[in-house]
C-alpha atoms as a PDB file:
ATOM      1  CA  MET A   1     -11.119 -11.938  -5.868  1.00  0.00           C
ATOM      2  CA  ALA A   2     -13.388 -12.883  -8.732  1.00  0.00           C
ATOM      3  CA  ALA A   3     -12.093 -13.134 -12.278  1.00  0.00           C
ATOM      4  CA  ASN A   4     -13.531 -13.902 -15.587  1.00  0.00           C
ATOM      5  CA  ASN A   5     -11.144 -14.445 -18.658  1.00  0.00           C
ATOM      6  CA  CYS A   6     -11.912 -12.674 -21.930  1.00  0.00           C
ATOM      7  CA  PRO A   7     -14.893 -10.147 -21.205  1.00  0.00           C
ATOM      8  CA  THR A   8     -17.545 -10.485 -23.755  1.00  0.00           C
ATOM      9  CA  ASN A   9     -17.393  -7.992 -26.579  1.00  0.00           C
ATOM     10  CA  ALA A  10     -20.930  -6.608 -25.685  1.00  0.00           C
ATOM     11  CA  ALA A  11     -19.631  -6.011 -22.148  1.00  0.00           C
ATOM     12  CA  CYS A  12     -16.599  -4.071 -23.541  1.00  0.00           C
ATOM     13  CA  GLU A  13     -18.699  -2.058 -25.967  1.00  0.00           C
ATOM     14  CA  GLY A  14     -21.212  -1.231 -23.101  1.00  0.00           C
ATOM     15  CA  CYS A  15     -18.404  -0.125 -20.686  1.00  0.00           C
ATOM     16  CA  SER A  16     -19.239   3.240 -19.104  1.00  0.00           C
ATOM     17  CA  SER A  17     -15.664   4.309 -18.778  1.00  0.00           C
ATOM     18  CA  ARG A  18     -14.597   3.185 -22.170  1.00  0.00           C
ATOM     19  CA  HIS A  19     -14.345   6.749 -23.621  1.00  0.00           C
ATOM     20  CA  LEU A  20     -11.771   7.640 -20.788  1.00  0.00           C
ATOM     21  CA  SER A  21      -9.903   4.367 -21.023  1.00  0.00           C
ATOM     22  CA  LEU A  22      -7.171   2.806 -23.187  1.00  0.00           C
ATOM     23  CA  CYS A  23      -9.704   0.971 -25.316  1.00  0.00           C
ATOM     24  CA  ASN A  24     -11.141   4.358 -26.465  1.00  0.00           C
ATOM     25  CA  ALA A  25      -8.530   3.995 -29.270  1.00  0.00           C
ATOM     26  CA  LEU A  26      -9.914   1.044 -30.601  1.00  0.00           C
ATOM     27  CA  ASP A  27     -12.739   0.357 -33.160  1.00  0.00           C
ATOM     28  CA  THR A  28     -15.457  -2.358 -32.635  1.00  0.00           C
ATOM     29  CA  ASP A  29     -13.411  -5.094 -34.355  1.00  0.00           C
ATOM     30  CA  GLU A  30     -10.228  -4.274 -32.774  1.00  0.00           C
ATOM     31  CA  LEU A  31     -11.947  -4.114 -29.497  1.00  0.00           C
ATOM     32  CA  HIS A  32     -13.290  -7.702 -29.729  1.00  0.00           C
ATOM     33  CA  ARG A  33      -9.695  -8.858 -30.594  1.00  0.00           C
ATOM     34  CA  PHE A  34      -8.257  -6.844 -27.813  1.00  0.00           C
ATOM     35  CA  SER A  35     -10.609  -8.095 -25.366  1.00  0.00           C
ATOM     36  CA  GLU A  36      -9.010 -11.803 -25.750  1.00  0.00           C
ATOM     37  CA  ILE A  37      -6.015 -10.919 -23.727  1.00  0.00           C
ATOM     38  CA  SER A  38      -8.050  -9.358 -20.947  1.00  0.00           C
ATOM     39  CA  THR A  39      -9.283 -10.530 -17.470  1.00  0.00           C
ATOM     40  CA  ASP A  40     -12.093  -8.974 -15.738  1.00  0.00           C
ATOM     41  CA  ILE A  41     -11.504  -8.782 -11.942  1.00  0.00           C
ATOM     42  CA  HIS A  42     -13.432  -7.411  -9.092  1.00  0.00           C
ATOM     43  CA  LYS A  43     -11.772  -6.472  -5.954  1.00  0.00           C
ATOM     44  CA  PRO A  44     -13.660  -5.516  -2.704  1.00  0.00           C
ATOM     45  CA  ALA A  45     -12.519  -2.190  -0.722  1.00  0.00           C
ATOM     46  CA  LYS A  46      -9.269  -2.590   1.214  1.00  0.00           C
ATOM     47  CA  GLN A  47      -7.918  -5.237  -1.037  1.00  0.00           C
ATOM     48  CA  ILE A  48      -4.432  -5.056  -2.398  1.00  0.00           C
ATOM     49  CA  ILE A  49      -4.481  -5.024  -6.284  1.00  0.00           C
ATOM     50  CA  CYS A  50      -0.558  -5.168  -6.771  1.00  0.00           C
ATOM     51  CA  SER A  51       2.341  -4.572  -4.296  1.00  0.00           C
ATOM     52  CA  GLU A  52       5.398  -2.493  -4.417  1.00  0.00           C
ATOM     53  CA  ASP A  53       8.365  -4.528  -5.548  1.00  0.00           C
ATOM     54  CA  GLU A  54       6.239  -7.136  -6.756  1.00  0.00           C
ATOM     55  CA  ALA A  55       6.970  -8.670 -10.368  1.00  0.00           C
ATOM     56  CA  ALA A  56       5.291  -6.181 -12.749  1.00  0.00           C
ATOM     57  CA  ASP A  57       3.644  -8.836 -14.721  1.00  0.00           C
ATOM     58  CA  TYR A  58       0.260  -7.124 -15.469  1.00  0.00           C
ATOM     59  CA  ILE A  59      -1.358  -3.597 -16.341  1.00  0.00           C
ATOM     60  CA  TYR A  60      -4.625  -2.661 -15.047  1.00  0.00           C
ATOM     61  CA  ASN A  61      -7.453  -0.479 -16.452  1.00  0.00           C
ATOM     62  CA  ILE A  62     -10.103   0.642 -13.976  1.00  0.00           C
ATOM     63  CA  ARG A  63     -13.824   0.154 -15.158  1.00  0.00           C
ATOM     64  CA  ASN A  64     -15.357   1.616 -12.044  1.00  0.00           C
ATOM     65  CA  GLY A  65     -14.361   2.367  -8.380  1.00  0.00           C
ATOM     66  CA  THR A  66     -11.189   4.165  -6.852  1.00  0.00           C
ATOM     67  CA  VAL A  67      -7.720   2.979  -6.282  1.00  0.00           C
ATOM     68  CA  ARG A  68      -4.929   4.662  -4.277  1.00  0.00           C
ATOM     69  CA  LEU A  69      -1.398   4.329  -5.046  1.00  0.00           C
ATOM     70  CA  SER A  70       1.049   4.497  -2.100  1.00  0.00           C
ATOM     71  CA  LYS A  71       4.891   3.880  -1.093  1.00  0.00           C
ATOM     72  CA  MET A  72       6.117   3.003   2.395  1.00  0.00           C
ATOM     73  CA  LEU A  73       9.208   4.608   4.033  1.00  0.00           C
ATOM     74  CA  ALA A  74      11.289   2.078   6.103  1.00  0.00           C
ATOM     75  CA  ASP A  75      10.063   3.504   9.331  1.00  0.00           C
ATOM     76  CA  GLY A  76       6.504   2.824   8.383  1.00  0.00           C
ATOM     77  CA  ARG A  77       5.206   6.234   7.306  1.00  0.00           C
ATOM     78  CA  ARG A  78       3.088   6.070   3.984  1.00  0.00           C
ATOM     79  CA  GLN A  79       3.089   8.617   1.048  1.00  0.00           C
ATOM     80  CA  ILE A  80       0.146   8.369  -1.294  1.00  0.00           C
ATOM     81  CA  THR A  81       1.204   9.126  -4.562  1.00  0.00           C
ATOM     82  CA  GLY A  82      -2.172   9.130  -6.270  1.00  0.00           C
ATOM     83  CA  PHE A  83      -5.717   8.524  -6.623  1.00  0.00           C
ATOM     84  CA  LEU A  84      -7.298   6.485  -9.653  1.00  0.00           C
ATOM     85  CA  PHE A  85     -10.607   6.332 -10.977  1.00  0.00           C
ATOM     86  CA  ALA A  86     -12.488   4.743 -13.708  1.00  0.00           C
ATOM     87  CA  GLY A  87     -10.767   5.057 -17.003  1.00  0.00           C
ATOM     88  CA  ASP A  88      -7.323   5.166 -15.348  1.00  0.00           C
ATOM     89  CA  PHE A  89      -4.699   2.656 -16.047  1.00  0.00           C
ATOM     90  CA  PHE A  90      -1.663   1.863 -13.869  1.00  0.00           C
ATOM     91  CA  GLY A  91       1.062  -0.829 -13.661  1.00  0.00           C
ATOM     92  CA  LEU A  92       2.974   0.003 -16.956  1.00  0.00           C
ATOM     93  CA  SER A  93       6.480   0.089 -14.873  1.00  0.00           C
ATOM     94  CA  CYS A  94       9.701   0.833 -16.601  1.00  0.00           C
ATOM     95  CA  LYS A  95      11.326  -1.762 -14.409  1.00  0.00           C
ATOM     96  CA  ASP A  96      10.585  -5.344 -13.846  1.00  0.00           C
ATOM     97  CA  LYS A  97       8.794  -4.558 -10.300  1.00  0.00           C
ATOM     98  CA  TYR A  98       5.836  -2.245  -9.520  1.00  0.00           C
ATOM     99  CA  SER A  99       7.279   1.073  -7.808  1.00  0.00           C
ATOM    100  CA  TYR A 100       4.042   1.425  -5.575  1.00  0.00           C
ATOM    101  CA  THR A 101       1.204  -0.501  -4.029  1.00  0.00           C
ATOM    102  CA  ALA A 102      -2.398  -0.119  -5.538  1.00  0.00           C
ATOM    103  CA  GLU A 103      -5.141  -0.826  -3.103  1.00  0.00           C
ATOM    104  CA  ALA A 104      -8.839  -0.440  -3.674  1.00  0.00           C
ATOM    105  CA  ILE A 105     -10.571   2.384  -1.737  1.00  0.00           C
ATOM    106  CA  THR A 106     -13.880   1.185  -2.857  1.00  0.00           C
ATOM    107  CA  ASP A 107     -15.331  -1.888  -4.487  1.00  0.00           C
ATOM    108  CA  VAL A 108     -13.702  -1.885  -8.077  1.00  0.00           C
ATOM    109  CA  ASP A 109     -13.836  -3.678 -11.359  1.00  0.00           C
ATOM    110  CA  ILE A 110     -10.711  -3.812 -13.274  1.00  0.00           C
ATOM    111  CA  CYS A 111      -9.613  -5.226 -16.467  1.00  0.00           C
ATOM    112  CA  ARG A 112      -6.199  -6.939 -16.265  1.00  0.00           C
ATOM    113  CA  PHE A 113      -3.800  -7.189 -19.123  1.00  0.00           C
ATOM    114  CA  PRO A 114      -0.463  -9.364 -19.265  1.00  0.00           C
ATOM    115  CA  ARG A 115       2.280  -6.834 -19.690  1.00  0.00           C
ATOM    116  CA  ALA A 116       4.083  -8.651 -22.324  1.00  0.00           C
ATOM    117  CA  LYS A 117       1.080  -9.049 -24.479  1.00  0.00           C
ATOM    118  CA  ILE A 118      -0.224  -5.608 -24.370  1.00  0.00           C
ATOM    119  CA  ILE A 119       3.098  -4.103 -25.257  1.00  0.00           C
ATOM    120  CA  GLY A 120       3.261  -6.688 -27.840  1.00  0.00           C
ATOM    121  CA  SER A 121      -0.023  -5.723 -29.328  1.00  0.00           C
ATOM    122  CA  PHE A 122       1.202  -2.029 -30.023  1.00  0.00           C
ATOM    123  CA  LYS A 123       2.070  -3.349 -33.567  1.00  0.00           C
ATOM    124  CA  GLU A 124      -1.324  -4.797 -34.087  1.00  0.00           C
ATOM    125  CA  PHE A 125      -2.848  -1.679 -32.580  1.00  0.00           C
ATOM    126  CA  PRO A 126      -0.895   1.212 -33.189  1.00  0.00           C
ATOM    127  CA  ALA A 127      -3.510   3.675 -32.153  1.00  0.00           C
ATOM    128  CA  LEU A 128      -3.406   1.761 -28.642  1.00  0.00           C
ATOM    129  CA  GLY A 129       0.267   2.658 -28.463  1.00  0.00           C
ATOM    130  CA  GLU A 130      -0.458   6.126 -29.053  1.00  0.00           C
ATOM    131  CA  ARG A 131      -3.219   6.323 -26.644  1.00  0.00           C
ATOM    132  CA  VAL A 132      -0.847   4.734 -23.875  1.00  0.00           C
ATOM    133  CA  PHE A 133       1.665   7.545 -24.644  1.00  0.00           C
ATOM    134  CA  GLU A 134      -0.964  10.084 -24.379  1.00  0.00           C
ATOM    135  CA  MET A 135      -2.215   8.971 -21.037  1.00  0.00           C
ATOM    136  CA  THR A 136       1.435   8.534 -19.756  1.00  0.00           C
ATOM    137  CA  ARG A 137       2.045  12.167 -20.740  1.00  0.00           C
ATOM    138  CA  THR A 138      -1.032  13.225 -18.785  1.00  0.00           C
ATOM    139  CA  GLU A 139       0.233  11.242 -15.772  1.00  0.00           C
ATOM    140  CA  LEU A 140       3.507  12.820 -16.067  1.00  0.00           C
ATOM    141  CA  GLU A 141       1.943  16.390 -15.867  1.00  0.00           C
ATOM    142  CA  ALA A 142       0.069  15.375 -12.951  1.00  0.00           C
ATOM    143  CA  THR A 143       3.145  14.034 -11.273  1.00  0.00           C
ATOM    144  CA  HIS A 144       4.764  17.711 -12.053  1.00  0.00           C
ATOM    145  CA  ASP A 145       1.660  19.421 -10.481  1.00  0.00           C
ATOM    146  CA  GLN A 146       1.830  17.215  -7.409  1.00  0.00           C
ATOM    147  CA  MET A 147       5.507  18.161  -6.855  1.00  0.00           C
ATOM    148  CA  LEU A 148       4.537  21.910  -6.894  1.00  0.00           C
ATOM    149  CA  LEU A 149       1.746  21.214  -4.460  1.00  0.00           C
ATOM    150  CA  LEU A 150       3.753  19.149  -1.966  1.00  0.00           C
ATOM    151  CA  GLY A 151       6.677  21.601  -2.317  1.00  0.00           C
ATOM    152  CA  ARG A 152       5.260  25.008  -2.196  1.00  0.00           C
ATOM    153  CA  LYS A 153       1.667  25.311  -1.316  1.00  0.00           C
ATOM    154  CA  THR A 154       0.128  25.882   1.954  1.00  0.00           C
ATOM    155  CA  ALA A 155      -2.335  23.703   3.683  1.00  0.00           C
ATOM    156  CA  LYS A 156      -5.268  25.435   2.529  1.00  0.00           C
ATOM    157  CA  GLU A 157      -3.991  25.679  -1.066  1.00  0.00           C
ATOM    158  CA  LYS A 158      -3.224  22.120  -1.072  1.00  0.00           C
ATOM    159  CA  LEU A 159      -6.860  21.274   0.094  1.00  0.00           C
ATOM    160  CA  CYS A 160      -8.449  23.703  -2.484  1.00  0.00           C
ATOM    161  CA  SER A 161      -6.378  22.141  -5.368  1.00  0.00           C
ATOM    162  CA  PHE A 162      -7.459  18.730  -4.250  1.00  0.00           C
ATOM    163  CA  LEU A 163     -11.155  19.476  -4.305  1.00  0.00           C
ATOM    164  CA  LEU A 164     -10.903  21.158  -7.530  1.00  0.00           C
ATOM    165  CA  THR A 165      -9.154  17.918  -8.963  1.00  0.00           C
ATOM    166  CA  LEU A 166     -12.021  15.740  -7.688  1.00  0.00           C
ATOM    167  CA  GLN A 167     -14.447  18.104  -9.184  1.00  0.00           C
ATOM    168  CA  GLU A 168     -12.552  17.818 -12.560  1.00  0.00           C
ATOM    169  CA  LYS A 169     -12.609  14.048 -12.253  1.00  0.00           C
ATOM    170  CA  SER A 170     -16.319  13.885 -11.437  1.00  0.00           C
ATOM    171  CA  ARG A 171     -16.960  16.296 -14.476  1.00  0.00           C
ATOM    172  CA  CYS A 172     -15.130  13.733 -16.737  1.00  0.00           C
ATOM    173  CA  LEU A 173     -16.633  10.744 -15.459  1.00  0.00           C
ATOM    174  CA  GLU A 174     -20.249  12.066 -15.419  1.00  0.00           C
ATOM    175  CA  GLY A 175     -20.039  14.412 -18.305  1.00  0.00           C
ATOM    176  CA  GLN A 176     -21.644  17.431 -16.481  1.00  0.00           C
ATOM    177  CA  ASP A 177     -20.297  20.344 -14.353  1.00  0.00           C
ATOM    178  CA  LYS A 178     -21.279  19.589 -10.816  1.00  0.00           C
ATOM    179  CA  ASN A 179     -20.326  21.532  -7.329  1.00  0.00           C
ATOM    180  CA  GLU A 180     -21.019  18.411  -5.618  1.00  0.00           C
ATOM    181  CA  ILE A 181     -17.992  16.280  -4.953  1.00  0.00           C
ATOM    182  CA  LYS A 182     -17.952  12.637  -3.788  1.00  0.00           C
ATOM    183  CA  ILE A 183     -14.908  12.021  -1.678  1.00  0.00           C
ATOM    184  CA  PRO A 184     -14.300   8.063  -1.457  1.00  0.00           C
ATOM    185  CA  MET A 185     -11.128   8.240   0.306  1.00  0.00           C
ATOM    186  CA  ASN A 186     -10.777   9.080   4.143  1.00  0.00           C
ATOM    187  CA  ARG A 187      -9.178  11.904   5.887  1.00  0.00           C
ATOM    188  CA  SER A 188      -6.091   9.814   6.546  1.00  0.00           C
ATOM    189  CA  ASP A 189      -5.798   9.203   2.692  1.00  0.00           C
ATOM    190  CA  ILE A 190      -6.122  12.893   2.049  1.00  0.00           C
ATOM    191  CA  ALA A 191      -3.386  13.693   4.513  1.00  0.00           C
ATOM    192  CA  ASP A 192      -1.060  11.164   3.304  1.00  0.00           C
ATOM    193  CA  PHE A 193      -1.574  12.513  -0.288  1.00  0.00           C
ATOM    194  CA  LEU A 194      -1.065  16.109   0.524  1.00  0.00           C
ATOM    195  CA  GLY A 195       1.792  15.752   3.082  1.00  0.00           C
ATOM    196  CA  LEU A 196      -0.212  16.904   5.825  1.00  0.00           C
ATOM    197  CA  THR A 197      -1.598  15.518   9.155  1.00  0.00           C
ATOM    198  CA  VAL A 198      -5.150  14.373   9.561  1.00  0.00           C
ATOM    199  CA  GLU A 199      -5.756  17.169  12.072  1.00  0.00           C
ATOM    200  CA  THR A 200      -4.668  19.722   9.501  1.00  0.00           C
ATOM    201  CA  ILE A 201      -6.957  18.311   6.873  1.00  0.00           C
ATOM    202  CA  SER A 202      -9.935  18.394   9.406  1.00  0.00           C
ATOM    203  CA  ARG A 203      -8.902  21.833  10.414  1.00  0.00           C
ATOM    204  CA  GLN A 204      -8.832  23.222   6.947  1.00  0.00           C
ATOM    205  CA  PHE A 205     -12.242  21.586   5.788  1.00  0.00           C
ATOM    206  CA  THR A 206     -13.676  23.562   8.941  1.00  0.00           C
ATOM    207  CA  ASN A 207     -12.125  26.706   7.861  1.00  0.00           C
ATOM    208  CA  LEU A 208     -13.364  26.602   4.247  1.00  0.00           C
ATOM    209  CA  HIS A 209     -16.863  25.757   5.796  1.00  0.00           C
ATOM    210  CA  LYS A 210     -16.814  28.915   8.156  1.00  0.00           C
ATOM    211  CA  MET A 211     -15.592  30.930   4.959  1.00  0.00           C
ATOM    212  CA  ASN A 212     -18.929  29.809   3.275  1.00  0.00           C
ATOM    213  CA  LEU A 213     -16.755  28.151   0.493  1.00  0.00           C
ATOM    214  CA  ILE A 214     -17.783  24.710   1.072  1.00  0.00           C
ATOM    215  CA  GLU A 215     -20.931  22.768   2.588  1.00  0.00           C
ATOM    216  CA  LEU A 216     -19.957  19.621   4.386  1.00  0.00           C
ATOM    217  CA  ASP A 217     -22.812  17.003   4.033  1.00  0.00           C
ATOM    218  CA  ASP A 218     -20.948  14.316   5.492  1.00  0.00           C
ATOM    219  CA  ALA A 219     -17.424  12.872   5.369  1.00  0.00           C
ATOM    220  CA  HIS A 220     -17.558  11.593   1.861  1.00  0.00           C
ATOM    221  CA  LYS A 221     -19.429  14.372   0.313  1.00  0.00           C
ATOM    222  CA  VAL A 222     -18.712  18.265  -0.250  1.00  0.00           C
ATOM    223  CA  VAL A 223     -20.465  20.811  -2.186  1.00  0.00           C
ATOM    224  CA  LEU A 224     -18.423  23.750  -3.356  1.00  0.00           C
ATOM    225  CA  THR A 225     -20.456  26.702  -2.926  1.00  0.00           C
ATOM    226  CA  ASN A 226     -17.806  29.160  -4.113  1.00  0.00           C
ATOM    227  CA  PRO A 227     -15.639  27.346  -6.497  1.00  0.00           C
ATOM    228  CA  GLU A 228     -14.217  30.527  -8.168  1.00  0.00           C
ATOM    229  CA  ALA A 229     -13.006  31.614  -4.651  1.00  0.00           C
ATOM    230  CA  ILE A 230     -11.486  27.940  -4.038  1.00  0.00           C
ATOM    231  CA  ALA A 231      -9.795  28.231  -7.417  1.00  0.00           C
ATOM    232  CA  ALA A 232      -8.295  31.494  -6.618  1.00  0.00           C
ATOM    233  CA  ILE A 233      -7.036  30.188  -3.209  1.00  0.00           C
ATOM    234  CA  ALA A 234      -5.513  27.231  -5.043  1.00  0.00           C
ATOM    235  CA  GLU A 235      -3.431  29.440  -7.187  1.00  0.00           C
ATOM    236  CA  GLY A 236      -2.220  31.538  -4.345  1.00  0.00           C
ATOM    237  CA  ASN A 237      -4.286  34.419  -4.690  1.00  0.00           C
END
């Protein structure tokens, strides 16, 4: 793991994911002062960032790359609870320990903040506290959507919902509507997120391809050839 304390102000101002992140609430002067409590971290793919039941001493903001959040059952089964991308933050636990394990799917660059310092900075930067509240509310809404997906949707509906979520993430990151989706996670990750088997995921990808709804360029890239039909399936129509 490579780490540099206090990223330069120029690096913070030039951050490509700043408009999506915690720091979007800060002006240039505030950003300079806020960067003094940050550590710039690089994690290669497959490396653990923080572990379930580990002391929740830090909060993390992703600058680029993809991270998965997961929990393990006593018998070794894994449930992936979320995928995070540039601009997302994690680690703000309501307890003293992390409730999940965060692992890099791709190489990731992250800003790490001491939990006590970032919470203490809300008085100095009230807009930051409001931004955290806004992002936490969005995360809660996503959790409700995930509960519906796991509990009520069919395998095909789950996969279509997942593809649309990735499309929306891509739109936010790149600032343009695109039907070509990068899929950084593997089929096993998708299965553990959607509560399905790898075989079911592969079968549903094939079914959507046969229906001329998607093109499968490779395992990590999908083109939505009929996004309207995919959206209809995701909604149960």
